[in-house]
Amino acid sequence: MFRTLGAAFILALSLASAHAHGPDGLKDTDKASKVTLVYEHELPNVPGKSMKAVLVEYGPGGFSAAHTHPNSAFIYATILEGAIRSQVNDGPVVTYHAGQSFSELPGDRHGVSENASTSEPAKLLAVFVVDTAEKELTFPLKK
């Protein structure tokens, strides 16, 4: 199973890299932030659950507004490039560098998610295990 998952992630990253330039000709990392669904598959051994992966790209100084995810979502995120500052719930703000990972449990709040650099881009791959019926993966926190 892990070989299949690994191959799926490599395929997802290859697809994401192939689309590294937007319609305006700018590299997507030149923009503040971009989220792209790069993988989606129902889990055959867990009825009603799917695995979805999103590539999150932050330009220099880029960030995502405070948000939550579906209550059914378990998330495993790996930093692919650069460094990303993250805060889950009321925990500390932590800076993760390329190759490091963190997770979010169902119901967690993501208060900070931002590029730690104002001069270099950053990317992360977030893998969700979520109810198959969930179409939206991110919900802004209401102030």
Protein backbone atom coordinates (compact mmCIF):
# COMPACT_ATOMS: atom_id res chain seq x y z
CA MET A 1 0.00 0.00 0.00
CA PHE A 2 2.78 2.47 0.86
CA ARG A 3 4.42 1.94 -2.56
CA THR A 4 1.12 2.79 -4.21
CA LEU A 5 0.74 5.92 -2.07
CA GLY A 6 4.32 6.97 -2.75
CA ALA A 7 3.83 6.54 -6.49
CA ALA A 8 0.61 8.54 -6.30
CA PHE A 9 2.37 11.42 -4.54
CA ILE A 10 5.21 11.43 -7.05
CA LEU A 11 2.64 11.53 -9.86
CA ALA A 12 0.78 14.34 -8.10
CA LEU A 13 3.96 16.36 -7.70
CA SER A 14 4.91 15.76 -11.33
CA LEU A 15 1.50 17.01 -12.45
CA ALA A 16 1.80 20.05 -10.22
CA SER A 17 5.29 20.84 -11.51
CA ALA A 18 4.09 20.54 -15.10
CA HIS A 19 1.62 23.35 -14.38
CA ALA A 20 4.14 25.68 -12.76
CA HIS A 21 3.24 28.62 -14.99
CA GLY A 22 -0.13 30.30 -14.91
CA PRO A 23 -2.07 31.75 -17.86
CA ASP A 24 -0.46 35.14 -17.27
CA GLY A 25 3.00 33.65 -17.88
CA LEU A 26 4.14 34.27 -14.31
CA LYS A 27 5.37 31.37 -12.26
CA ASP A 28 2.67 30.54 -9.72
CA THR A 29 5.21 31.05 -6.94
CA ASP A 30 5.46 34.72 -7.98
CA LYS A 31 1.95 35.24 -6.61
CA ALA A 32 0.96 35.51 -2.95
CA SER A 33 -0.54 32.01 -2.68
CA LYS A 34 -2.09 29.24 -4.74
CA VAL A 35 -3.83 25.99 -3.76
CA THR A 36 -4.18 23.22 -6.36
CA LEU A 37 -5.89 19.85 -5.92
CA VAL A 38 -3.30 17.42 -7.32
CA TYR A 39 -4.69 14.04 -6.24
CA GLU A 40 -8.06 12.58 -5.33
CA HIS A 41 -8.93 8.91 -4.79
CA GLU A 42 -11.59 7.01 -2.86
CA LEU A 43 -10.07 4.57 -0.38
CA PRO A 44 -11.25 1.10 -1.43
CA ASN A 45 -10.70 -0.40 2.03
CA VAL A 46 -12.38 2.45 3.95
CA PRO A 47 -15.87 3.04 2.51
CA GLY A 48 -16.93 6.69 2.51
CA LYS A 49 -13.37 8.03 2.85
CA SER A 50 -11.06 9.53 0.25
CA MET A 51 -7.49 10.73 0.06
CA LYS A 52 -7.07 14.20 -1.43
CA ALA A 53 -3.80 16.06 -1.82
CA VAL A 54 -3.33 19.77 -2.39
CA LEU A 55 -0.21 21.62 -3.40
CA VAL A 56 0.00 24.94 -1.54
CA GLU A 57 2.38 27.46 -3.08
CA TYR A 58 3.32 30.69 -1.33
CA GLY A 59 5.13 33.49 -3.06
CA PRO A 60 7.57 35.55 -1.00
CA GLY A 61 5.62 36.87 2.00
CA GLY A 62 2.55 34.84 0.96
CA PHE A 63 0.05 33.48 3.45
CA SER A 64 -3.34 31.82 3.90
CA ALA A 65 -6.01 33.40 6.09
CA ALA A 66 -6.83 31.61 9.35
CA HIS A 67 -8.99 28.59 8.54
CA THR A 68 -10.39 25.20 9.47
CA HIS A 69 -10.93 22.04 7.45
CA PRO A 70 -13.85 19.58 7.33
CA ASN A 71 -14.52 17.93 10.69
CA SER A 72 -13.75 14.56 9.09
CA ALA A 73 -10.30 15.61 7.84
CA PHE A 74 -7.00 14.24 9.09
CA ILE A 75 -4.19 16.15 7.37
CA TYR A 76 -0.51 15.34 6.92
CA ALA A 77 1.55 18.17 5.42
CA THR A 78 5.12 18.02 4.12
CA ILE A 79 7.16 21.09 3.25
CA LEU A 80 8.55 20.65 -0.26
CA GLU A 81 10.43 23.92 -0.71
CA GLY A 82 11.44 26.83 1.50
CA ALA A 83 10.11 27.34 5.02
CA ILE A 84 6.56 27.71 6.27
CA ARG A 85 5.34 29.10 9.58
CA SER A 86 2.34 27.26 10.98
CA GLN A 87 0.14 27.41 14.06
CA VAL A 88 -2.46 24.75 14.86
CA ASN A 89 -5.08 25.58 17.49
CA ASP A 90 -3.53 27.57 20.35
CA GLY A 91 -0.13 25.91 19.97
CA PRO A 92 3.08 27.77 19.26
CA VAL A 93 3.90 29.18 15.84
CA VAL A 94 6.46 26.74 14.39
CA THR A 95 8.68 27.19 11.35
CA TYR A 96 8.97 24.04 9.24
CA HIS A 97 11.68 23.67 6.58
CA ALA A 98 11.82 21.59 3.40
CA GLY A 99 11.58 17.91 4.32
CA GLN A 100 9.78 18.47 7.62
CA SER A 101 6.15 17.54 8.26
CA PHE A 102 3.25 18.23 10.60
CA SER A 103 -0.30 17.00 10.98
CA GLU A 104 -3.72 18.38 11.82
CA LEU A 105 -6.44 16.39 13.53
CA PRO A 106 -10.17 16.57 12.75
CA GLY A 107 -11.58 19.84 14.09
CA ASP A 108 -8.23 21.64 14.40
CA ARG A 109 -7.96 25.35 13.61
CA HIS A 110 -5.08 26.59 11.48
CA GLY A 111 -4.39 30.12 12.75
CA VAL A 112 -1.11 30.78 10.91
CA SER A 113 0.03 29.37 7.57
CA GLU A 114 2.57 31.54 5.80
CA ASN A 115 5.82 31.65 3.94
CA ALA A 116 8.60 32.33 6.45
CA SER A 117 10.55 34.23 3.77
CA THR A 118 9.87 37.57 2.13
CA SER A 119 12.32 36.82 -0.70
CA GLU A 120 11.93 33.10 -1.59
CA PRO A 121 8.88 30.97 -2.51
CA ALA A 122 7.66 28.06 -0.38
CA LYS A 123 5.56 24.96 -1.14
CA LEU A 124 3.83 22.28 0.87
CA LEU A 125 1.86 19.17 0.01
CA ALA A 126 -1.13 18.61 2.29
CA VAL A 127 -2.66 15.13 2.18
CA PHE A 128 -6.20 14.82 3.52
CA VAL A 129 -8.03 11.68 4.60
CA VAL A 130 -11.57 12.99 4.52
CA ASP A 131 -15.19 11.99 3.96
CA THR A 132 -15.63 11.40 0.22
CA ALA A 133 -18.68 13.70 0.15
CA GLU A 134 -16.58 16.71 1.23
CA LYS A 135 -15.95 19.00 -1.72
CA GLU A 136 -14.57 22.06 0.11
CA LEU A 137 -11.35 21.44 2.03
CA THR A 138 -10.83 24.87 3.62
CA PHE A 139 -13.18 27.20 5.47
CA PRO A 140 -12.13 30.71 6.61
CA LEU A 141 -12.37 31.32 10.34
CA LYS A 142 -15.06 33.79 11.27
CA LYS A 143 -13.82 36.67 13.36
